[in-house]
Amino acid sequence: MGGIETVNSREEELVLDVIRKKKIFRYGFSDKEVSQSYVLRFEQAFKTYLGTGYALAVSSGTAALRTALAALEVKPGAEIIVPAYTFIATLEAVIESGAKPVLAEIDSSLNINPADLEKRITDRTQGIIPVHMMGASADMDAILGIARKHKLFVLEDACQAIGAKYKGKFVGTLGDGSAFSFDSVKLLTCGEGGMVVTSNGEFYRRADRFHDHGHIHNLALPRGKEPKEGTGFNFRLSEILAAFGLAQLEKLPEMLVSLRANRTRMMEGMNLPPEFSWRSLPADAEDSATFLTFLAPTPEKAEKVKERLQKSGITPATLNYWHYQVNRELAGTGAYPRTEEYLGRAVALEVKVRMEVSQITRINEALKDAL
């Protein structure tokens, strides 16, 4: 899935450049050499791609979320609202920041339901983390409106949605800050890595300190003599992974074009029965097309469709364990019947960047048969 399909000599070239130069640590460059750092180059290219002010490369998407929450100065015991359907890392980052994750229901977009979100707000709520699940934007106008009304921060979890847009703007550029993931199955991958993004200079300064033990990164001083500012962890990204990521970023526009074309071909001649529906998206939103997703009228019918697809050698995605059941266990309380209903009715097929005509034809025929 995703960027791993496109790996070629370009990644090899940049990674070997790091090895040959023996400069494998970002902060091992002198002030005259720093522009050669692949981590810095990756950050600069990433923020240019998104059209935002600041980008900070970190060791994972989870680290990006945790670093962003530190930059937002989350208070101990605060409540942060997250969707019930999200990868568990969203909740783990909240808990590790000393706050409490509060789950909200999803809607037919499979993203957080703004109306239910607002019902979960209490006097302890400090922020909202909308998650752009499976490459598609949440309803950001509604979410940002609720946040302004209640004076809450908005941290976008864009870990699954690089390249997706909402009303012409890339997801990850709409809230106070955002987090991206580059793990082994992501559309842009470097094996393991992440990025914190913001347009707020103070947010960036706090994130920069936090991701490196509180180092202030004053290049005029030797690293061992830098003052410490605040608390932090080692969430740094290595030069080797950054070089790999930079090569991947160069290919991202082409990958998105390919994904969207492949999904369109998968849908050719596919007429959903009247009681079925496509996953809904906000108006003027463009997803990254990493999945083809529709909703059956009942969980029972969804299971029959999945069974039929599996008999044809097509395996639908598993949506409800690491992305829902463990979240309920971690949050500790609550029932989320709408989320369970939508996940039970959803049928999601992975779209690959590289797909042969014969492969697409087989999927297309299997879908027609199953429906």
Protein backbone atom coordinates (compact mmCIF):
# COMPACT_ATOMS: atom_id res chain seq x y z
CA MET A 1 0.00 0.00 0.00
CA GLY A 2 1.06 3.54 -0.63
CA GLY A 3 4.57 4.86 -1.00
CA ILE A 4 6.35 1.54 -0.50
CA GLU A 5 5.06 0.56 -3.95
CA THR A 6 7.04 3.38 -5.56
CA VAL A 7 10.44 2.87 -3.92
CA ASN A 8 13.24 2.90 -6.48
CA SER A 9 16.72 4.23 -7.10
CA ARG A 10 15.80 7.74 -5.90
CA GLU A 11 15.43 6.61 -2.28
CA GLU A 12 18.61 4.59 -2.64
CA GLU A 13 20.48 7.61 -4.02
CA LEU A 14 19.52 9.93 -1.17
CA VAL A 15 20.02 7.37 1.61
CA LEU A 16 23.44 6.43 0.25
CA ASP A 17 24.34 10.12 0.16
CA VAL A 18 23.72 10.28 3.92
CA ILE A 19 25.80 7.18 4.56
CA ARG A 20 28.69 8.26 2.37
CA LYS A 21 28.86 11.68 4.01
CA LYS A 22 28.66 10.04 7.47
CA LYS A 23 26.35 12.81 8.63
CA ILE A 24 23.54 10.80 10.19
CA PHE A 25 22.43 13.20 12.96
CA ARG A 26 20.62 16.42 12.20
CA TYR A 27 22.20 18.36 15.05
CA GLY A 28 25.68 17.14 14.18
CA PHE A 29 25.94 19.69 11.38
CA SER A 30 27.83 22.92 11.91
CA ASP A 31 26.05 26.22 11.32
CA LYS A 32 27.68 26.37 7.88
CA GLU A 33 26.60 22.82 6.99
CA VAL A 34 23.09 22.85 8.40
CA SER A 35 21.39 23.56 5.06
CA GLN A 36 22.68 20.15 3.88
CA SER A 37 20.68 18.31 6.56
CA TYR A 38 18.09 16.01 5.02
CA VAL A 39 15.76 16.50 7.99
CA LEU A 40 15.78 20.26 7.38
CA ARG A 41 15.32 19.76 3.63
CA PHE A 42 12.43 17.37 4.26
CA GLU A 43 10.76 19.89 6.58
CA GLN A 44 11.18 22.74 4.13
CA ALA A 45 9.83 20.71 1.21
CA PHE A 46 6.89 19.49 3.31
CA LYS A 47 5.81 22.95 4.45
CA THR A 48 6.18 24.23 0.87
CA TYR A 49 3.96 21.40 -0.39
CA LEU A 50 1.25 22.18 2.17
CA GLY A 51 1.65 25.94 1.98
CA THR A 52 2.06 26.37 5.71
CA GLY A 53 4.49 28.24 7.96
CA TYR A 54 6.33 25.55 9.91
CA ALA A 55 7.02 21.82 9.76
CA LEU A 56 8.91 19.77 12.34
CA ALA A 57 10.04 16.24 11.48
CA VAL A 58 9.69 13.69 14.29
CA SER A 59 10.09 9.96 14.77
CA SER A 60 6.45 8.83 14.22
CA GLY A 61 2.88 9.99 13.81
CA THR A 62 2.30 9.21 17.48
CA ALA A 63 5.29 11.38 18.39
CA ALA A 64 3.86 14.13 16.19
CA LEU A 65 0.56 14.05 18.11
CA ARG A 66 2.29 14.01 21.49
CA THR A 67 4.65 16.84 20.49
CA ALA A 68 1.76 18.93 19.18
CA LEU A 69 -0.19 18.45 22.40
CA ALA A 70 2.86 19.64 24.34
CA ALA A 71 3.06 22.70 22.09
CA LEU A 72 -0.62 23.38 22.82
CA GLU A 73 0.18 23.25 26.55
CA VAL A 74 -2.46 20.71 27.45
CA LYS A 75 -3.33 20.94 31.14
CA PRO A 76 -3.20 17.88 33.43
CA GLY A 77 -6.68 16.39 33.72
CA ALA A 78 -8.04 18.30 30.72
CA GLU A 79 -10.49 16.57 28.39
CA ILE A 80 -9.71 16.27 24.70
CA ILE A 81 -12.50 15.13 22.37
CA VAL A 82 -11.54 12.55 19.74
CA PRO A 83 -13.61 10.36 17.41
CA ALA A 84 -14.51 6.88 18.64
CA TYR A 85 -13.21 5.61 15.30
CA THR A 86 -9.50 6.40 15.05
CA PHE A 87 -6.24 4.52 15.41
CA ILE A 88 -5.40 4.05 19.08
CA ALA A 89 -2.37 6.37 18.81
CA THR A 90 -4.70 9.39 18.92
CA LEU A 91 -5.87 8.38 22.39
CA GLU A 92 -2.44 7.27 23.56
CA ALA A 93 -0.96 10.68 22.77
CA VAL A 94 -3.72 12.39 24.75
CA ILE A 95 -3.19 10.13 27.76
CA GLU A 96 0.59 10.55 27.62
CA SER A 97 0.07 14.32 27.72
CA GLY A 98 -1.75 13.97 31.05
CA ALA A 99 -5.20 14.59 29.60
CA LYS A 100 -8.29 12.43 29.23
CA PRO A 101 -9.62 11.34 25.81
CA VAL A 102 -13.38 11.75 25.43
CA LEU A 103 -14.88 9.76 22.57
CA ALA A 104 -17.48 11.20 20.20
CA GLU A 105 -19.63 9.36 17.66
CA ILE A 106 -18.90 9.31 13.93
CA ASP A 107 -21.35 9.87 11.08
CA SER A 108 -21.67 8.49 7.54
CA SER A 109 -18.38 10.13 6.59
CA LEU A 110 -16.75 7.76 9.13
CA ASN A 111 -15.26 10.90 10.71
CA ILE A 112 -16.26 12.68 13.90
CA ASN A 113 -19.90 13.84 14.08
CA PRO A 114 -19.83 17.60 14.83
CA ALA A 115 -23.25 17.55 16.51
CA ASP A 116 -22.26 14.74 18.87
CA LEU A 117 -18.88 16.36 19.44
CA GLU A 118 -20.53 19.50 20.81
CA LYS A 119 -22.62 17.44 23.22
CA ARG A 120 -19.41 16.04 24.76
CA ILE A 121 -18.01 19.47 25.73
CA THR A 122 -17.71 20.19 29.46
CA ASP A 123 -15.98 22.85 31.52
CA ARG A 124 -12.90 20.57 31.49
CA THR A 125 -12.67 20.36 27.69
CA GLN A 126 -9.54 22.02 26.30
CA GLY A 127 -9.44 20.84 22.70
CA ILE A 128 -10.67 18.72 19.81
CA ILE A 129 -8.71 16.29 17.66
CA PRO A 130 -10.61 15.66 14.42
CA VAL A 131 -9.10 12.70 12.58
CA HIS A 132 -9.23 12.58 8.78
CA MET A 133 -9.82 8.85 8.55
CA MET A 134 -8.90 6.72 5.55
CA GLY A 135 -7.75 9.71 3.53
CA ALA A 136 -10.88 11.87 3.80
CA SER A 137 -11.40 15.20 5.56
CA ALA A 138 -13.64 15.69 8.55
CA ASP A 139 -16.20 18.51 8.41
CA MET A 140 -13.74 21.22 9.38
CA ASP A 141 -16.05 24.25 9.03
CA ALA A 142 -18.44 22.79 11.59
CA ILE A 143 -15.62 21.65 13.88
CA LEU A 144 -13.77 24.98 13.76
CA GLY A 145 -17.03 26.83 14.41
CA ILE A 146 -17.69 24.74 17.52
CA ALA A 147 -14.11 25.26 18.68
CA ARG A 148 -14.32 29.04 18.31
CA LYS A 149 -17.64 29.11 20.12
CA HIS A 150 -16.24 27.22 23.11
CA LYS A 151 -12.66 28.59 22.90
CA LEU A 152 -11.04 25.21 22.26
CA PHE A 153 -7.96 24.32 20.26
CA VAL A 154 -8.18 22.12 17.16
CA LEU A 155 -5.37 19.67 16.46
CA GLU A 156 -5.83 17.83 13.17
CA ASP A 157 -4.80 14.19 13.08
CA ALA A 158 -3.92 13.96 9.38
CA CYS A 159 -1.84 10.79 9.78
CA GLN A 160 -3.95 8.90 7.23
CA ALA A 161 -4.75 11.77 4.90
CA ILE A 162 -1.71 13.37 3.32
CA GLY A 163 -2.74 15.01 0.05
CA ALA A 164 -6.44 15.24 0.95
CA LYS A 165 -8.11 18.64 0.68
CA TYR A 166 -10.99 20.50 2.28
CA LYS A 167 -12.42 23.39 0.24
CA GLY A 168 -9.19 23.76 -1.71
CA LYS A 169 -6.85 23.63 1.30
CA PHE A 170 -4.78 20.66 2.36
CA VAL A 171 -5.93 18.92 5.53
CA GLY A 172 -3.41 19.60 8.24
CA THR A 173 -3.42 23.35 7.51
CA LEU A 174 -6.84 24.21 8.92
CA GLY A 175 -6.51 23.96 12.70
CA ASP A 176 -4.04 25.25 15.28
CA GLY A 177 -1.64 22.47 14.32
CA SER A 178 -1.57 18.99 12.84
CA ALA A 179 0.20 15.65 12.85
CA PHE A 180 1.20 13.42 9.92
CA SER A 181 2.52 9.85 9.88
CA PHE A 182 5.04 8.23 7.53
CA ASP A 183 4.99 4.64 8.78
CA SER A 184 5.40 1.60 6.55
CA VAL A 185 1.81 1.53 5.22
CA LYS A 186 1.27 5.25 4.71
CA LEU A 187 0.98 6.93 1.33
CA LEU A 188 4.22 8.80 2.00
CA THR A 189 6.51 6.46 3.90
CA CYS A 190 10.02 6.45 5.29
CA GLY A 191 9.43 3.27 7.32
CA GLU A 192 8.73 5.23 10.49
CA GLY A 193 8.41 8.98 10.93
CA GLY A 194 6.05 11.89 11.34
CA MET A 195 5.62 15.64 10.95
CA VAL A 196 4.18 18.37 13.15
CA VAL A 197 2.73 21.24 11.12
CA THR A 198 1.54 24.70 12.15
CA SER A 199 1.38 28.31 11.02
CA ASN A 200 1.97 29.58 14.57
CA GLY A 201 5.56 30.49 15.40
CA GLU A 202 5.18 30.04 19.17
CA PHE A 203 3.54 26.63 18.66
CA TYR A 204 6.51 25.62 16.52
CA ARG A 205 9.05 26.90 19.06
CA ARG A 206 7.51 24.84 21.87
CA ALA A 207 7.24 21.75 19.65
CA ASP A 208 10.86 22.12 18.52
CA ARG A 209 12.07 22.21 22.14
CA PHE A 210 9.86 19.33 23.26
CA HIS A 211 10.88 16.89 20.51
CA ASP A 212 14.56 17.12 21.54
CA HIS A 213 14.76 17.06 25.36
CA GLY A 214 14.30 20.84 25.64
CA HIS A 215 17.27 21.81 23.45
CA ILE A 216 16.88 25.39 22.17
CA HIS A 217 18.80 24.66 18.94
CA ASN A 218 21.05 27.69 18.98
CA LEU A 219 23.58 26.90 16.26
CA ALA A 220 25.96 29.51 17.65
CA LEU A 221 26.51 27.26 20.69
CA PRO A 222 27.99 23.76 20.92
CA ARG A 223 25.12 21.29 21.48
CA GLY A 224 26.51 20.30 24.86
CA LYS A 225 26.40 23.92 26.08
CA GLU A 226 22.86 24.75 24.98
CA PRO A 227 20.43 25.74 27.75
CA LYS A 228 17.42 23.50 28.38
CA GLU A 229 13.94 24.96 27.96
CA GLY A 230 11.00 23.00 29.33
CA THR A 231 10.44 19.25 29.32
CA GLY A 232 10.79 16.92 26.39
CA PHE A 233 11.63 13.56 24.87
CA ASN A 234 13.77 12.16 22.08
CA PHE A 235 11.34 12.29 19.16
CA ARG A 236 13.96 13.26 16.57
CA LEU A 237 13.92 11.92 13.01
CA SER A 238 17.16 10.48 11.63
CA GLU A 239 18.91 11.80 8.55
CA ILE A 240 18.52 8.43 6.79
CA LEU A 241 14.74 8.32 7.26
CA ALA A 242 14.44 11.98 6.26
CA ALA A 243 16.35 11.30 3.04
CA PHE A 244 13.95 8.43 2.29
CA GLY A 245 10.98 10.69 3.07
CA LEU A 246 12.25 13.50 0.86
CA ALA A 247 12.45 11.09 -2.09
CA GLN A 248 8.91 9.96 -1.35
CA LEU A 249 7.60 13.52 -1.15
CA GLU A 250 8.89 14.17 -4.65
CA LYS A 251 6.62 11.35 -5.87
CA LEU A 252 3.52 12.27 -3.84
CA PRO A 253 1.65 14.29 -6.53
CA GLU A 254 2.08 11.44 -9.02
CA MET A 255 0.93 8.88 -6.41
CA LEU A 256 -2.25 10.86 -5.74
CA VAL A 257 -3.07 11.07 -9.46
CA SER A 258 -2.56 7.32 -9.78
CA LEU A 259 -4.70 6.49 -6.74
CA ARG A 260 -7.60 8.62 -7.93
CA ALA A 261 -7.45 7.15 -11.41
CA ASN A 262 -7.31 3.58 -10.08
CA ARG A 263 -10.28 4.11 -7.79
CA THR A 264 -12.29 5.58 -10.65
CA ARG A 265 -11.50 2.49 -12.73
CA MET A 266 -12.49 0.21 -9.84
CA MET A 267 -15.88 1.94 -9.79
CA GLU A 268 -16.52 1.71 -13.54
CA GLY A 269 -19.88 0.15 -14.22
CA MET A 270 -20.50 -0.26 -10.50
CA ASN A 271 -24.06 0.71 -9.61
CA LEU A 272 -24.83 0.53 -5.91
CA PRO A 273 -28.21 -1.04 -5.13
CA PRO A 274 -30.71 1.58 -3.88
CA GLU A 275 -30.33 0.64 -0.22
CA PHE A 276 -26.51 1.01 -0.37
CA SER A 277 -24.68 4.36 -0.25
CA TRP A 278 -21.19 5.74 -0.72
CA ARG A 279 -19.25 7.01 2.26
CA SER A 280 -20.23 10.68 2.53
CA LEU A 281 -17.69 13.49 2.24
CA PRO A 282 -17.99 17.20 3.06
CA ALA A 283 -18.87 19.47 0.16
CA ASP A 284 -15.82 20.59 -1.86
CA ALA A 285 -13.58 17.96 -0.24
CA GLU A 286 -11.12 15.82 -2.18
CA ASP A 287 -9.85 12.72 -0.46
CA SER A 288 -6.56 10.96 -1.16
CA ALA A 289 -8.38 7.94 -2.69
CA THR A 290 -6.56 5.34 -0.63
CA PHE A 291 -9.85 3.47 -0.09
CA LEU A 292 -13.06 2.72 -1.93
CA THR A 293 -15.74 2.72 0.79
CA PHE A 294 -19.49 2.24 0.78
CA LEU A 295 -22.19 1.50 3.36
CA ALA A 296 -24.60 -1.43 3.29
CA PRO A 297 -28.10 -0.96 4.74
CA THR A 298 -27.37 -3.36 7.61
CA PRO A 299 -24.30 -5.01 9.18
CA GLU A 300 -25.68 -8.38 8.07
CA LYS A 301 -25.75 -7.32 4.42
CA ALA A 302 -22.28 -5.83 4.75
CA GLU A 303 -20.98 -9.17 6.03
CA LYS A 304 -22.57 -11.01 3.09
CA VAL A 305 -20.88 -8.62 0.65
CA LYS A 306 -17.52 -9.11 2.41
CA GLU A 307 -17.90 -12.89 2.35
CA ARG A 308 -18.66 -12.80 -1.36
CA LEU A 309 -15.65 -10.57 -2.03
CA GLN A 310 -13.36 -12.87 -0.04
CA LYS A 311 -14.49 -15.84 -2.09
CA SER A 312 -13.24 -13.90 -5.11
CA GLY A 313 -9.89 -13.32 -3.40
CA ILE A 314 -10.65 -9.69 -2.45
CA THR A 315 -10.14 -8.91 1.26
CA PRO A 316 -11.95 -5.84 2.66
CA ALA A 317 -10.25 -3.75 5.34
CA THR A 318 -10.78 -4.51 9.04
CA LEU A 319 -12.11 -1.34 10.64
CA ASN A 320 -13.29 -1.99 14.15
CA TYR A 321 -10.58 -3.49 16.39
CA TRP A 322 -7.44 -1.32 16.64
CA HIS A 323 -9.52 1.62 15.47
CA TYR A 324 -12.53 1.30 17.76
CA GLN A 325 -12.74 -1.54 20.29
CA VAL A 326 -9.37 -0.76 21.91
CA ASN A 327 -10.37 2.92 22.05
CA ARG A 328 -13.43 2.05 24.11
CA GLU A 329 -11.26 0.03 26.48
CA LEU A 330 -8.73 2.86 26.80
CA ALA A 331 -11.35 5.58 27.29
CA GLY A 332 -12.98 3.41 29.94
CA THR A 333 -16.62 4.35 29.65
CA GLY A 334 -19.43 5.06 27.23
CA ALA A 335 -21.51 3.44 24.52
CA TYR A 336 -21.22 4.49 20.89
CA PRO A 337 -24.09 2.83 19.01
CA ARG A 338 -23.90 5.07 15.93
CA THR A 339 -20.20 4.40 15.52
CA GLU A 340 -20.75 0.65 15.84
CA GLU A 341 -23.57 0.81 13.31
CA TYR A 342 -21.55 2.71 10.71
CA LEU A 343 -18.49 0.52 11.12
CA GLY A 344 -20.65 -2.59 10.93
CA ARG A 345 -22.22 -1.38 7.68
CA ALA A 346 -18.99 -0.20 6.04
CA VAL A 347 -17.19 -2.08 3.30
CA ALA A 348 -13.76 -0.64 2.50
CA LEU A 349 -11.34 -1.81 -0.17
CA GLU A 350 -7.75 -0.65 -0.36
CA VAL A 351 -6.70 1.24 -3.48
CA LYS A 352 -3.08 0.78 -4.52
CA VAL A 353 -0.80 3.21 -6.31
CA ARG A 354 0.33 0.56 -8.79
CA MET A 355 -2.49 -1.60 -10.17
CA GLU A 356 -2.50 -3.68 -13.33
CA VAL A 357 -5.54 -3.53 -15.60
CA SER A 358 -6.23 -7.21 -14.90
CA GLN A 359 -6.20 -6.56 -11.15
CA ILE A 360 -8.67 -3.68 -11.43
CA THR A 361 -10.91 -5.75 -13.72
CA ARG A 362 -10.97 -8.61 -11.21
CA ILE A 363 -11.93 -6.22 -8.37
CA ASN A 364 -14.55 -4.55 -10.52
CA GLU A 365 -16.15 -7.88 -11.43
CA ALA A 366 -16.01 -9.10 -7.82
CA LEU A 367 -17.77 -5.95 -6.63
CA LYS A 368 -20.51 -6.27 -9.21
CA ASP A 369 -21.02 -9.90 -8.23
CA ALA A 370 -21.01 -9.22 -4.50
CA LEU A 371 -23.54 -6.41 -4.80
